[in-house]
Amino acid sequence: MVPMIFGITLITFSVVHLAPGDPVAVETEMSPKASAQARENLKKLYGLDKPVHIQYFDWLKRFVKLDFGTSFVDSKKVIDKITERIPITLAINLLSLFLILIIAVPIGVLSATKQYSLFDKLSTIFVFIGFSTPSFWLALLLMMLFGVTLGILPISGIQSLDVAGMSFFERLLDWAKHLILPVSISAFGGIAGLSRYSRSSMLEVIRQDYIRTARAKGLKESTVIFRHALRNALLPIVTILGLAVPGLIGGSVIFETIFAIPGMGLLFYDSAMARDYPTIMGVLVIGSVLTLLGNLLADISYALVDPRIRVSGGKN
C-alpha cells in the first residue's frame, strides 16, 4: 500500500498541475487592478514559482509528516478542513455500502435459486435500469418528486435551519430525512451491479457436485442454500464490494454537490474550481487511502468467508 500511495501522489500532483489555470489566475482574474508584480508575489507566496518536481518534493516532505499544507483559499490548515468534512462522507458511504449489501445479496440469491422466474426477469430489468441511469439525473428527478412536488423530504444540506431547538430524537430524525435521498442515490447503481454478481456467483456454486450431494443426503433446501452454497458464493461478492469503495467515494463529488452536503466531495469540487492545490491533493490522498483500506478489508474478509484461505496461509 505504501508504494502505491506514493505512486498515486506523483500522478495526481502531475495531473493537477497540468490542468489549465492556476490559483493566482483564479484569484486575480476578477481584479483588474492586480499588477504583474502582485501576481509574481502570489506565486512566490504559494511556491508556484519553482519547477513542478521541486514543488512535489516540497509537498512530499510535508506529507510524510502528515502535513498537507495550508489552503490557498482561506489560509486554513488542509488537514483541519478535511477533518471537518470527512465524517459526513464516511457516514454516507458506509450507509450506502450497508444498504447495497443487505439488498443486493438477497436479490441475487433469490434470482439464482428461482432462475428464469418472474422475479428473476424483473430483477434483470432493474439491473439494466440501474446501470443505465445517470446518478445526477436520478437525483434531480427525486428532488423534484419528493422535495418539490410532495414536499416530504429535504433536498439540501444534512440538517434543518431550526435544528438548534430540536430534541435529540428530533435531530436524529431530521438527519435521517436529509440522508434518505443521497444514500439511496449513492447505493442505487451498486445494488444493481452487486445483485447481478451475486446471482452469477450463486448460480456457479449451486451447480457444484457438493451441492448435489447435500441435496441427495436429504438436507433442507434452505440449509443447502444458506449454509453450504451462500458462504462459498460470498467470496467474489466480497471482492466486488471492496472494489465498490472507489466508486462511492468518487460519486460523493456528484451527489454532495447536488444536495449541497458539506462533505469531502463538495470540498473537492470547490477546491478544484478555485485551483486550491493543497486541498485538492489532501482530499485525493485521503480518498486513495480509504480506497486502499477498503481493498485491504476485502482481502481480510476472504479469510473470514473462506476457511481454505486461512488454512493455506497458515501452511505457508
C-alpha atoms as a PDB file:
ATOM      1  CA  MET A   1       0.000   0.000   0.000  1.00  0.00           C
ATOM      2  CA  VAL A   2       2.810   2.428   0.834  1.00  0.00           C
ATOM      3  CA  PRO A   3       4.492   2.392  -2.621  1.00  0.00           C
ATOM      4  CA  MET A   4       1.066   2.656  -4.223  1.00  0.00           C
ATOM      5  CA  ILE A   5       0.242   5.740  -2.156  1.00  0.00           C
ATOM      6  CA  PHE A   6       3.430   7.453  -3.319  1.00  0.00           C
ATOM      7  CA  GLY A   7       2.691   6.478  -6.913  1.00  0.00           C
ATOM      8  CA  ILE A   8      -0.803   7.924  -6.616  1.00  0.00           C
ATOM      9  CA  THR A   9       0.523  11.185  -5.177  1.00  0.00           C
ATOM     10  CA  LEU A  10       3.049  11.537  -8.005  1.00  0.00           C
ATOM     11  CA  ILE A  11       0.441  11.004 -10.726  1.00  0.00           C
ATOM     12  CA  THR A  12      -2.228  13.198  -9.153  1.00  0.00           C
ATOM     13  CA  PHE A  13       0.229  16.020  -8.402  1.00  0.00           C
ATOM     14  CA  SER A  14       1.360  15.989 -12.026  1.00  0.00           C
ATOM     15  CA  VAL A  15      -2.174  15.911 -13.425  1.00  0.00           C
ATOM     16  CA  VAL A  16      -3.365  18.703 -11.116  1.00  0.00           C
ATOM     17  CA  HIS A  17      -0.523  20.976 -12.256  1.00  0.00           C
ATOM     18  CA  LEU A  18      -1.035  20.087 -15.923  1.00  0.00           C
ATOM     19  CA  ALA A  19      -4.654  21.263 -15.792  1.00  0.00           C
ATOM     20  CA  PRO A  20      -5.218  24.718 -17.324  1.00  0.00           C
ATOM     21  CA  GLY A  21      -5.391  27.639 -14.925  1.00  0.00           C
ATOM     22  CA  ASP A  22      -3.663  28.241 -11.605  1.00  0.00           C
ATOM     23  CA  PRO A  23      -4.592  29.716  -8.200  1.00  0.00           C
ATOM     24  CA  VAL A  24      -3.045  33.085  -8.997  1.00  0.00           C
ATOM     25  CA  ALA A  25      -5.089  33.445 -12.189  1.00  0.00           C
ATOM     26  CA  VAL A  26      -8.295  32.465 -10.349  1.00  0.00           C
ATOM     27  CA  GLU A  27      -7.661  34.992  -7.576  1.00  0.00           C
ATOM     28  CA  THR A  28      -6.675  37.899  -9.818  1.00  0.00           C
ATOM     29  CA  GLU A  29      -8.891  37.471 -12.885  1.00  0.00           C
ATOM     30  CA  MET A  30     -11.749  39.419 -11.264  1.00  0.00           C
ATOM     31  CA  SER A  31      -9.405  42.151 -10.039  1.00  0.00           C
ATOM     32  CA  PRO A  32      -8.326  44.388 -12.922  1.00  0.00           C
ATOM     33  CA  LYS A  33      -6.057  46.375 -10.582  1.00  0.00           C
ATOM     34  CA  ALA A  34      -3.858  43.353  -9.841  1.00  0.00           C
ATOM     35  CA  SER A  35      -0.448  44.089 -11.318  1.00  0.00           C
ATOM     36  CA  ALA A  36       2.059  41.656 -12.767  1.00  0.00           C
ATOM     37  CA  GLN A  37       4.233  42.186  -9.688  1.00  0.00           C
ATOM     38  CA  ALA A  38       1.311  41.252  -7.446  1.00  0.00           C
ATOM     39  CA  ARG A  39       0.841  38.043  -9.417  1.00  0.00           C
ATOM     40  CA  GLU A  40       4.531  37.222  -9.074  1.00  0.00           C
ATOM     41  CA  ASN A  41       4.353  37.845  -5.332  1.00  0.00           C
ATOM     42  CA  LEU A  42       1.412  35.462  -5.035  1.00  0.00           C
ATOM     43  CA  LYS A  43       3.310  32.806  -6.981  1.00  0.00           C
ATOM     44  CA  LYS A  44       6.256  33.120  -4.621  1.00  0.00           C
ATOM     45  CA  LEU A  45       3.925  33.014  -1.627  1.00  0.00           C
ATOM     46  CA  TYR A  46       2.336  29.784  -2.844  1.00  0.00           C
ATOM     47  CA  GLY A  47       5.643  28.314  -4.037  1.00  0.00           C
ATOM     48  CA  LEU A  48       4.403  28.146  -7.627  1.00  0.00           C
ATOM     49  CA  ASP A  49       7.491  29.913  -8.977  1.00  0.00           C
ATOM     50  CA  LYS A  50       9.534  26.712  -8.509  1.00  0.00           C
ATOM     51  CA  PRO A  51       9.714  23.836 -11.047  1.00  0.00           C
ATOM     52  CA  VAL A  52       6.949  21.258 -10.658  1.00  0.00           C
ATOM     53  CA  HIS A  53       9.261  18.489  -9.451  1.00  0.00           C
ATOM     54  CA  ILE A  54      10.651  20.775  -6.727  1.00  0.00           C
ATOM     55  CA  GLN A  55       7.089  21.648  -5.705  1.00  0.00           C
ATOM     56  CA  TYR A  56       6.276  17.930  -5.497  1.00  0.00           C
ATOM     57  CA  PHE A  57       9.260  17.102  -3.294  1.00  0.00           C
ATOM     58  CA  ASP A  58       8.435  20.051  -1.028  1.00  0.00           C
ATOM     59  CA  TRP A  59       4.881  18.751  -0.733  1.00  0.00           C
ATOM     60  CA  LEU A  60       6.150  15.202  -0.165  1.00  0.00           C
ATOM     61  CA  LYS A  61       8.360  16.324   2.730  1.00  0.00           C
ATOM     62  CA  ARG A  62       5.307  17.792   4.422  1.00  0.00           C
ATOM     63  CA  PHE A  63       3.143  14.788   3.557  1.00  0.00           C
ATOM     64  CA  VAL A  64       5.387  12.253   5.311  1.00  0.00           C
ATOM     65  CA  LYS A  65       4.857  14.373   8.442  1.00  0.00           C
ATOM     66  CA  LEU A  66       1.066  14.245   7.804  1.00  0.00           C
ATOM     67  CA  ASP A  67       1.106  17.943   6.975  1.00  0.00           C
ATOM     68  CA  PHE A  68      -0.996  18.713   3.889  1.00  0.00           C
ATOM     69  CA  GLY A  69      -0.146  22.390   3.947  1.00  0.00           C
ATOM     70  CA  THR A  70      -2.361  25.458   4.019  1.00  0.00           C
ATOM     71  CA  SER A  71      -5.324  26.180   1.769  1.00  0.00           C
ATOM     72  CA  PHE A  72      -4.844  28.889  -0.847  1.00  0.00           C
ATOM     73  CA  VAL A  73      -8.478  29.962  -0.425  1.00  0.00           C
ATOM     74  CA  ASP A  74      -8.885  30.717   3.280  1.00  0.00           C
ATOM     75  CA  SER A  75      -5.393  30.021   4.736  1.00  0.00           C
ATOM     76  CA  LYS A  76      -6.758  27.204   6.912  1.00  0.00           C
ATOM     77  CA  LYS A  77      -4.856  24.002   7.517  1.00  0.00           C
ATOM     78  CA  VAL A  78      -5.918  21.449   4.898  1.00  0.00           C
ATOM     79  CA  ILE A  79      -5.998  18.649   7.458  1.00  0.00           C
ATOM     80  CA  ASP A  80      -8.442  20.681   9.580  1.00  0.00           C
ATOM     81  CA  LYS A  81     -10.742  21.271   6.607  1.00  0.00           C
ATOM     82  CA  ILE A  82     -10.720  17.573   5.750  1.00  0.00           C
ATOM     83  CA  THR A  83     -11.269  16.545   9.383  1.00  0.00           C
ATOM     84  CA  GLU A  84     -14.391  18.702   9.450  1.00  0.00           C
ATOM     85  CA  ARG A  85     -15.812  17.141   6.291  1.00  0.00           C
ATOM     86  CA  ILE A  86     -14.703  13.501   6.330  1.00  0.00           C
ATOM     87  CA  PRO A  87     -17.182  12.180   8.974  1.00  0.00           C
ATOM     88  CA  ILE A  88     -20.122  13.170   6.767  1.00  0.00           C
ATOM     89  CA  THR A  89     -18.702  11.485   3.662  1.00  0.00           C
ATOM     90  CA  LEU A  90     -17.723   8.351   5.604  1.00  0.00           C
ATOM     91  CA  ALA A  91     -21.188   8.118   7.170  1.00  0.00           C
ATOM     92  CA  ILE A  92     -22.927   8.374   3.791  1.00  0.00           C
ATOM     93  CA  ASN A  93     -20.579   5.856   2.138  1.00  0.00           C
ATOM     94  CA  LEU A  94     -20.846   3.349   4.995  1.00  0.00           C
ATOM     95  CA  LEU A  95     -24.632   3.611   4.957  1.00  0.00           C
ATOM     96  CA  SER A  96     -24.583   3.123   1.188  1.00  0.00           C
ATOM     97  CA  LEU A  97     -22.360   0.042   1.471  1.00  0.00           C
ATOM     98  CA  PHE A  98     -24.632  -1.392   4.156  1.00  0.00           C
ATOM     99  CA  LEU A  99     -27.709  -0.731   2.020  1.00  0.00           C
ATOM    100  CA  ILE A 100     -26.053  -2.309  -1.019  1.00  0.00           C
ATOM    101  CA  LEU A 101     -25.111  -5.418   0.961  1.00  0.00           C
ATOM    102  CA  ILE A 102     -28.446  -6.081   2.659  1.00  0.00           C
ATOM    103  CA  ILE A 103     -30.454  -5.543  -0.541  1.00  0.00           C
ATOM    104  CA  ALA A 104     -28.228  -6.771  -3.381  1.00  0.00           C
ATOM    105  CA  VAL A 105     -27.177 -10.135  -1.906  1.00  0.00           C
ATOM    106  CA  PRO A 106     -30.736 -11.360  -1.114  1.00  0.00           C
ATOM    107  CA  ILE A 107     -31.905 -10.245  -4.562  1.00  0.00           C
ATOM    108  CA  GLY A 108     -29.029 -12.106  -6.219  1.00  0.00           C
ATOM    109  CA  VAL A 109     -29.555 -15.277  -4.168  1.00  0.00           C
ATOM    110  CA  LEU A 110     -33.289 -15.293  -4.820  1.00  0.00           C
ATOM    111  CA  SER A 111     -32.751 -14.685  -8.544  1.00  0.00           C
ATOM    112  CA  ALA A 112     -30.295 -17.594  -8.725  1.00  0.00           C
ATOM    113  CA  THR A 113     -32.474 -20.045  -6.800  1.00  0.00           C
ATOM    114  CA  LYS A 114     -35.503 -19.050  -8.890  1.00  0.00           C
ATOM    115  CA  GLN A 115     -33.756 -18.750 -12.238  1.00  0.00           C
ATOM    116  CA  TYR A 116     -35.951 -17.604 -15.170  1.00  0.00           C
ATOM    117  CA  SER A 117     -38.845 -16.888 -12.815  1.00  0.00           C
ATOM    118  CA  LEU A 118     -40.830 -13.643 -12.883  1.00  0.00           C
ATOM    119  CA  PHE A 119     -38.741 -12.279 -10.023  1.00  0.00           C
ATOM    120  CA  ASP A 120     -35.534 -13.104 -11.905  1.00  0.00           C
ATOM    121  CA  LYS A 121     -36.773 -11.299 -15.006  1.00  0.00           C
ATOM    122  CA  LEU A 122     -37.882  -8.251 -13.008  1.00  0.00           C
ATOM    123  CA  SER A 123     -34.527  -8.084 -11.215  1.00  0.00           C
ATOM    124  CA  THR A 124     -32.767  -8.252 -14.591  1.00  0.00           C
ATOM    125  CA  ILE A 125     -34.794  -5.256 -15.768  1.00  0.00           C
ATOM    126  CA  PHE A 126     -33.878  -3.446 -12.535  1.00  0.00           C
ATOM    127  CA  VAL A 127     -30.193  -4.139 -13.190  1.00  0.00           C
ATOM    128  CA  PHE A 128     -30.338  -2.671 -16.678  1.00  0.00           C
ATOM    129  CA  ILE A 129     -32.113   0.431 -15.335  1.00  0.00           C
ATOM    130  CA  GLY A 130     -29.577   0.771 -12.532  1.00  0.00           C
ATOM    131  CA  PHE A 131     -26.611   0.545 -14.883  1.00  0.00           C
ATOM    132  CA  SER A 132     -28.020   2.941 -17.465  1.00  0.00           C
ATOM    133  CA  THR A 133     -29.424   5.665 -15.183  1.00  0.00           C
ATOM    134  CA  PRO A 134     -27.044   8.603 -14.537  1.00  0.00           C
ATOM    135  CA  SER A 135     -26.936   9.335 -10.815  1.00  0.00           C
ATOM    136  CA  PHE A 136     -27.111  13.131 -11.244  1.00  0.00           C
ATOM    137  CA  TRP A 137     -30.230  12.830 -13.422  1.00  0.00           C
ATOM    138  CA  LEU A 138     -31.898  10.459 -10.948  1.00  0.00           C
ATOM    139  CA  ALA A 139     -31.013  12.832  -8.109  1.00  0.00           C
ATOM    140  CA  LEU A 140     -32.700  15.745  -9.861  1.00  0.00           C
ATOM    141  CA  LEU A 141     -35.832  13.685 -10.567  1.00  0.00           C
ATOM    142  CA  LEU A 142     -36.123  12.508  -6.956  1.00  0.00           C
ATOM    143  CA  MET A 143     -35.527  16.036  -5.692  1.00  0.00           C
ATOM    144  CA  MET A 144     -38.373  17.264  -7.881  1.00  0.00           C
ATOM    145  CA  LEU A 145     -40.696  14.436  -6.763  1.00  0.00           C
ATOM    146  CA  PHE A 146     -40.050  14.140  -3.019  1.00  0.00           C
ATOM    147  CA  GLY A 147     -38.775  17.645  -2.299  1.00  0.00           C
ATOM    148  CA  VAL A 148     -40.751  19.961  -4.567  1.00  0.00           C
ATOM    149  CA  THR A 149     -43.916  18.112  -5.630  1.00  0.00           C
ATOM    150  CA  LEU A 150     -44.633  16.047  -2.499  1.00  0.00           C
ATOM    151  CA  GLY A 151     -42.615  18.151  -0.057  1.00  0.00           C
ATOM    152  CA  ILE A 152     -41.859  15.227   2.258  1.00  0.00           C
ATOM    153  CA  LEU A 153     -38.039  15.172   2.076  1.00  0.00           C
ATOM    154  CA  PRO A 154     -35.433  17.956   2.277  1.00  0.00           C
ATOM    155  CA  ILE A 155     -33.295  18.448  -0.825  1.00  0.00           C
ATOM    156  CA  SER A 156     -30.170  20.136   0.522  1.00  0.00           C
ATOM    157  CA  GLY A 157     -27.802  20.004   3.461  1.00  0.00           C
ATOM    158  CA  ILE A 158     -27.732  17.485   6.296  1.00  0.00           C
ATOM    159  CA  GLN A 159     -29.825  19.338   8.866  1.00  0.00           C
ATOM    160  CA  SER A 160     -32.605  21.894   9.038  1.00  0.00           C
ATOM    161  CA  LEU A 161     -32.072  25.553   9.933  1.00  0.00           C
ATOM    162  CA  ASP A 162     -34.039  25.223  13.200  1.00  0.00           C
ATOM    163  CA  VAL A 163     -32.084  22.186  14.399  1.00  0.00           C
ATOM    164  CA  ALA A 164     -30.859  24.056  17.496  1.00  0.00           C
ATOM    165  CA  GLY A 165     -34.347  23.980  19.040  1.00  0.00           C
ATOM    166  CA  MET A 166     -34.872  20.242  18.454  1.00  0.00           C
ATOM    167  CA  SER A 167     -34.551  17.393  20.926  1.00  0.00           C
ATOM    168  CA  PHE A 168     -32.030  14.589  20.379  1.00  0.00           C
ATOM    169  CA  PHE A 169     -34.520  12.259  18.701  1.00  0.00           C
ATOM    170  CA  GLU A 170     -35.930  15.081  16.572  1.00  0.00           C
ATOM    171  CA  ARG A 171     -32.387  15.883  15.412  1.00  0.00           C
ATOM    172  CA  LEU A 172     -31.787  12.208  14.637  1.00  0.00           C
ATOM    173  CA  LEU A 173     -34.995  12.028  12.601  1.00  0.00           C
ATOM    174  CA  ASP A 174     -34.133  15.270  10.819  1.00  0.00           C
ATOM    175  CA  TRP A 175     -30.661  13.961   9.972  1.00  0.00           C
ATOM    176  CA  ALA A 176     -32.144  10.683   8.678  1.00  0.00           C
ATOM    177  CA  LYS A 177     -34.621  12.541   6.460  1.00  0.00           C
ATOM    178  CA  HIS A 178     -31.808  14.601   4.945  1.00  0.00           C
ATOM    179  CA  LEU A 179     -29.777  11.460   4.181  1.00  0.00           C
ATOM    180  CA  ILE A 180     -32.528   9.354   2.596  1.00  0.00           C
ATOM    181  CA  LEU A 181     -32.103  10.739  -0.918  1.00  0.00           C
ATOM    182  CA  PRO A 182     -28.253  10.967  -1.001  1.00  0.00           C
ATOM    183  CA  VAL A 183     -27.755   7.477   0.453  1.00  0.00           C
ATOM    184  CA  SER A 184     -30.402   5.930  -1.829  1.00  0.00           C
ATOM    185  CA  ILE A 185     -28.927   7.517  -4.945  1.00  0.00           C
ATOM    186  CA  SER A 186     -25.390   6.577  -3.913  1.00  0.00           C
ATOM    187  CA  ALA A 187     -26.436   2.947  -3.398  1.00  0.00           C
ATOM    188  CA  PHE A 188     -28.729   2.591  -6.432  1.00  0.00           C
ATOM    189  CA  GLY A 189     -26.117   1.667  -9.019  1.00  0.00           C
ATOM    190  CA  GLY A 190     -24.225  -0.520  -6.535  1.00  0.00           C
ATOM    191  CA  ILE A 191     -27.344  -2.514  -5.702  1.00  0.00           C
ATOM    192  CA  ALA A 192     -27.956  -3.172  -9.392  1.00  0.00           C
ATOM    193  CA  GLY A 193     -24.388  -4.303 -10.039  1.00  0.00           C
ATOM    194  CA  LEU A 194     -23.803  -6.371  -6.900  1.00  0.00           C
ATOM    195  CA  SER A 195     -27.131  -8.184  -7.218  1.00  0.00           C
ATOM    196  CA  ARG A 196     -26.064  -9.372 -10.668  1.00  0.00           C
ATOM    197  CA  TYR A 197     -22.682 -10.517  -9.414  1.00  0.00           C
ATOM    198  CA  SER A 198     -24.410 -12.309  -6.532  1.00  0.00           C
ATOM    199  CA  ARG A 199     -26.715 -14.085  -8.938  1.00  0.00           C
ATOM    200  CA  SER A 200     -23.853 -15.237 -11.179  1.00  0.00           C
ATOM    201  CA  SER A 201     -21.746 -16.399  -8.238  1.00  0.00           C
ATOM    202  CA  MET A 202     -24.664 -18.251  -6.668  1.00  0.00           C
ATOM    203  CA  LEU A 203     -25.562 -19.958  -9.950  1.00  0.00           C
ATOM    204  CA  GLU A 204     -21.993 -21.195 -10.293  1.00  0.00           C
ATOM    205  CA  VAL A 205     -21.917 -22.563  -6.748  1.00  0.00           C
ATOM    206  CA  ILE A 206     -25.279 -24.352  -6.743  1.00  0.00           C
ATOM    207  CA  ARG A 207     -24.203 -26.317  -9.818  1.00  0.00           C
ATOM    208  CA  GLN A 208     -21.247 -27.845  -7.977  1.00  0.00           C
ATOM    209  CA  ASP A 209     -21.122 -31.527  -7.073  1.00  0.00           C
ATOM    210  CA  TYR A 210     -21.079 -30.969  -3.317  1.00  0.00           C
ATOM    211  CA  ILE A 211     -24.397 -29.096  -3.559  1.00  0.00           C
ATOM    212  CA  ARG A 212     -25.934 -32.079  -5.388  1.00  0.00           C
ATOM    213  CA  THR A 213     -24.528 -34.335  -2.675  1.00  0.00           C
ATOM    214  CA  ALA A 214     -26.014 -32.177   0.069  1.00  0.00           C
ATOM    215  CA  ARG A 215     -29.423 -32.337  -1.604  1.00  0.00           C
ATOM    216  CA  ALA A 216     -29.083 -36.079  -2.148  1.00  0.00           C
ATOM    217  CA  LYS A 217     -28.449 -36.521   1.601  1.00  0.00           C
ATOM    218  CA  GLY A 218     -31.902 -35.081   2.220  1.00  0.00           C
ATOM    219  CA  LEU A 219     -30.928 -31.713   3.674  1.00  0.00           C
ATOM    220  CA  LYS A 220     -33.482 -28.933   3.638  1.00  0.00           C
ATOM    221  CA  GLU A 221     -33.218 -26.594   0.670  1.00  0.00           C
ATOM    222  CA  SER A 222     -32.740 -23.611   2.991  1.00  0.00           C
ATOM    223  CA  THR A 223     -29.825 -25.397   4.680  1.00  0.00           C
ATOM    224  CA  VAL A 224     -28.254 -26.234   1.331  1.00  0.00           C
ATOM    225  CA  ILE A 225     -28.575 -22.663   0.066  1.00  0.00           C
ATOM    226  CA  PHE A 226     -27.689 -20.600   3.128  1.00  0.00           C
ATOM    227  CA  ARG A 227     -25.267 -22.911   4.938  1.00  0.00           C
ATOM    228  CA  HIS A 228     -23.386 -24.586   2.100  1.00  0.00           C
ATOM    229  CA  ALA A 229     -23.848 -22.530  -1.085  1.00  0.00           C
ATOM    230  CA  LEU A 230     -24.058 -18.931   0.106  1.00  0.00           C
ATOM    231  CA  ARG A 231     -20.826 -18.934   2.103  1.00  0.00           C
ATOM    232  CA  ASN A 232     -18.803 -20.069  -0.899  1.00  0.00           C
ATOM    233  CA  ALA A 233     -20.654 -17.675  -3.185  1.00  0.00           C
ATOM    234  CA  LEU A 234     -19.749 -14.718  -0.954  1.00  0.00           C
ATOM    235  CA  LEU A 235     -16.046 -14.715  -1.851  1.00  0.00           C
ATOM    236  CA  PRO A 236     -16.338 -12.939  -5.240  1.00  0.00           C
ATOM    237  CA  ILE A 237     -19.076 -10.738  -3.761  1.00  0.00           C
ATOM    238  CA  VAL A 238     -16.660  -9.523  -1.085  1.00  0.00           C
ATOM    239  CA  THR A 239     -14.183  -8.717  -3.861  1.00  0.00           C
ATOM    240  CA  ILE A 240     -16.707  -6.629  -5.773  1.00  0.00           C
ATOM    241  CA  LEU A 241     -17.865  -4.910  -2.583  1.00  0.00           C
ATOM    242  CA  GLY A 242     -14.282  -3.875  -1.830  1.00  0.00           C
ATOM    243  CA  LEU A 243     -13.858  -2.546  -5.346  1.00  0.00           C
ATOM    244  CA  ALA A 244     -17.083  -0.538  -4.965  1.00  0.00           C
ATOM    245  CA  VAL A 245     -15.414   1.787  -2.444  1.00  0.00           C
ATOM    246  CA  PRO A 246     -13.654   3.960  -5.101  1.00  0.00           C
ATOM    247  CA  GLY A 247     -16.908   4.409  -6.983  1.00  0.00           C
ATOM    248  CA  LEU A 248     -18.749   5.506  -3.855  1.00  0.00           C
ATOM    249  CA  ILE A 249     -16.026   7.964  -2.873  1.00  0.00           C
ATOM    250  CA  GLY A 250     -15.858   9.339  -6.414  1.00  0.00           C
ATOM    251  CA  GLY A 251     -19.640   9.559  -6.543  1.00  0.00           C
ATOM    252  CA  SER A 252     -19.586  11.700  -3.414  1.00  0.00           C
ATOM    253  CA  VAL A 253     -18.388  14.603  -5.562  1.00  0.00           C
ATOM    254  CA  ILE A 254     -21.586  14.402  -7.628  1.00  0.00           C
ATOM    255  CA  PHE A 255     -24.325  13.942  -5.050  1.00  0.00           C
ATOM    256  CA  GLU A 256     -22.704  16.115  -2.371  1.00  0.00           C
ATOM    257  CA  THR A 257     -22.535  18.934  -4.908  1.00  0.00           C
ATOM    258  CA  ILE A 258     -26.150  18.387  -5.998  1.00  0.00           C
ATOM    259  CA  PHE A 259     -27.515  18.165  -2.438  1.00  0.00           C
ATOM    260  CA  ALA A 260     -25.115  20.816  -1.017  1.00  0.00           C
ATOM    261  CA  ILE A 261     -23.812  18.345   1.569  1.00  0.00           C
ATOM    262  CA  PRO A 262     -20.701  19.695   3.312  1.00  0.00           C
ATOM    263  CA  GLY A 263     -18.564  16.591   2.830  1.00  0.00           C
ATOM    264  CA  MET A 264     -15.285  15.758   1.148  1.00  0.00           C
ATOM    265  CA  GLY A 265     -16.915  15.591  -2.274  1.00  0.00           C
ATOM    266  CA  LEU A 266     -18.172  19.169  -2.125  1.00  0.00           C
ATOM    267  CA  LEU A 267     -14.843  20.277  -0.648  1.00  0.00           C
ATOM    268  CA  PHE A 268     -13.015  18.660  -3.557  1.00  0.00           C
ATOM    269  CA  TYR A 269     -15.325  20.288  -6.118  1.00  0.00           C
ATOM    270  CA  ASP A 270     -14.948  23.759  -4.600  1.00  0.00           C
ATOM    271  CA  SER A 271     -11.175  23.297  -4.327  1.00  0.00           C
ATOM    272  CA  ALA A 272     -10.912  22.191  -7.943  1.00  0.00           C
ATOM    273  CA  MET A 273     -12.858  25.241  -9.103  1.00  0.00           C
ATOM    274  CA  ALA A 274     -10.547  27.508  -7.076  1.00  0.00           C
ATOM    275  CA  ARG A 275      -7.383  25.584  -8.122  1.00  0.00           C
ATOM    276  CA  ASP A 276      -6.618  25.121  -4.425  1.00  0.00           C
ATOM    277  CA  TYR A 277      -3.762  22.648  -4.969  1.00  0.00           C
ATOM    278  CA  PRO A 278      -3.034  21.731  -1.314  1.00  0.00           C
ATOM    279  CA  THR A 279      -6.685  20.938  -0.582  1.00  0.00           C
ATOM    280  CA  ILE A 280      -7.085  19.002  -3.837  1.00  0.00           C
ATOM    281  CA  MET A 281      -4.050  16.880  -3.012  1.00  0.00           C
ATOM    282  CA  GLY A 282      -5.203  16.360   0.567  1.00  0.00           C
ATOM    283  CA  VAL A 283      -8.659  15.151  -0.473  1.00  0.00           C
ATOM    284  CA  LEU A 284      -7.239  12.901  -3.206  1.00  0.00           C
ATOM    285  CA  VAL A 285      -4.695  11.320  -0.844  1.00  0.00           C
ATOM    286  CA  ILE A 286      -7.302  10.694   1.870  1.00  0.00           C
ATOM    287  CA  GLY A 287      -9.655   9.217  -0.731  1.00  0.00           C
ATOM    288  CA  SER A 288      -6.862   6.983  -2.024  1.00  0.00           C
ATOM    289  CA  VAL A 289      -6.051   5.782   1.485  1.00  0.00           C
ATOM    290  CA  LEU A 290      -9.712   4.972   2.117  1.00  0.00           C
ATOM    291  CA  THR A 291      -9.853   3.078  -1.183  1.00  0.00           C
ATOM    292  CA  LEU A 292      -6.758   1.028  -0.356  1.00  0.00           C
ATOM    293  CA  LEU A 293      -8.101   0.317   3.129  1.00  0.00           C
ATOM    294  CA  GLY A 294     -11.333  -0.895   1.541  1.00  0.00           C
ATOM    295  CA  ASN A 295      -9.363  -3.304  -0.638  1.00  0.00           C
ATOM    296  CA  LEU A 296      -7.368  -4.434   2.415  1.00  0.00           C
ATOM    297  CA  LEU A 297     -10.568  -5.112   4.346  1.00  0.00           C
ATOM    298  CA  ALA A 298     -11.838  -7.104   1.368  1.00  0.00           C
ATOM    299  CA  ASP A 299      -8.674  -9.223   1.481  1.00  0.00           C
ATOM    300  CA  ILE A 300      -9.100  -9.805   5.216  1.00  0.00           C
ATOM    301  CA  SER A 301     -12.748 -10.717   4.677  1.00  0.00           C
ATOM    302  CA  TYR A 302     -11.662 -13.520   2.305  1.00  0.00           C
ATOM    303  CA  ALA A 303     -10.250 -15.427   5.270  1.00  0.00           C
ATOM    304  CA  LEU A 304     -13.403 -14.865   7.286  1.00  0.00           C
ATOM    305  CA  VAL A 305     -15.625 -16.084   4.470  1.00  0.00           C
ATOM    306  CA  ASP A 306     -13.495 -18.970   3.160  1.00  0.00           C
ATOM    307  CA  PRO A 307     -11.643 -21.117   5.762  1.00  0.00           C
ATOM    308  CA  ARG A 308      -9.483 -22.617   2.999  1.00  0.00           C
ATOM    309  CA  ILE A 309      -7.596 -19.320   2.709  1.00  0.00           C
ATOM    310  CA  ARG A 310      -6.787 -19.333   6.439  1.00  0.00           C
ATOM    311  CA  VAL A 311      -5.545 -22.924   6.226  1.00  0.00           C
ATOM    312  CA  SER A 312      -3.353 -22.295   3.145  1.00  0.00           C
ATOM    313  CA  GLY A 313      -1.995 -19.103   4.714  1.00  0.00           C
ATOM    314  CA  GLY A 314      -1.046 -20.971   7.875  1.00  0.00           C
ATOM    315  CA  LYS A 315       0.765 -23.680   5.939  1.00  0.00           C
ATOM    316  CA  ASN A 316       2.781 -21.118   4.005  1.00  0.00           C
END
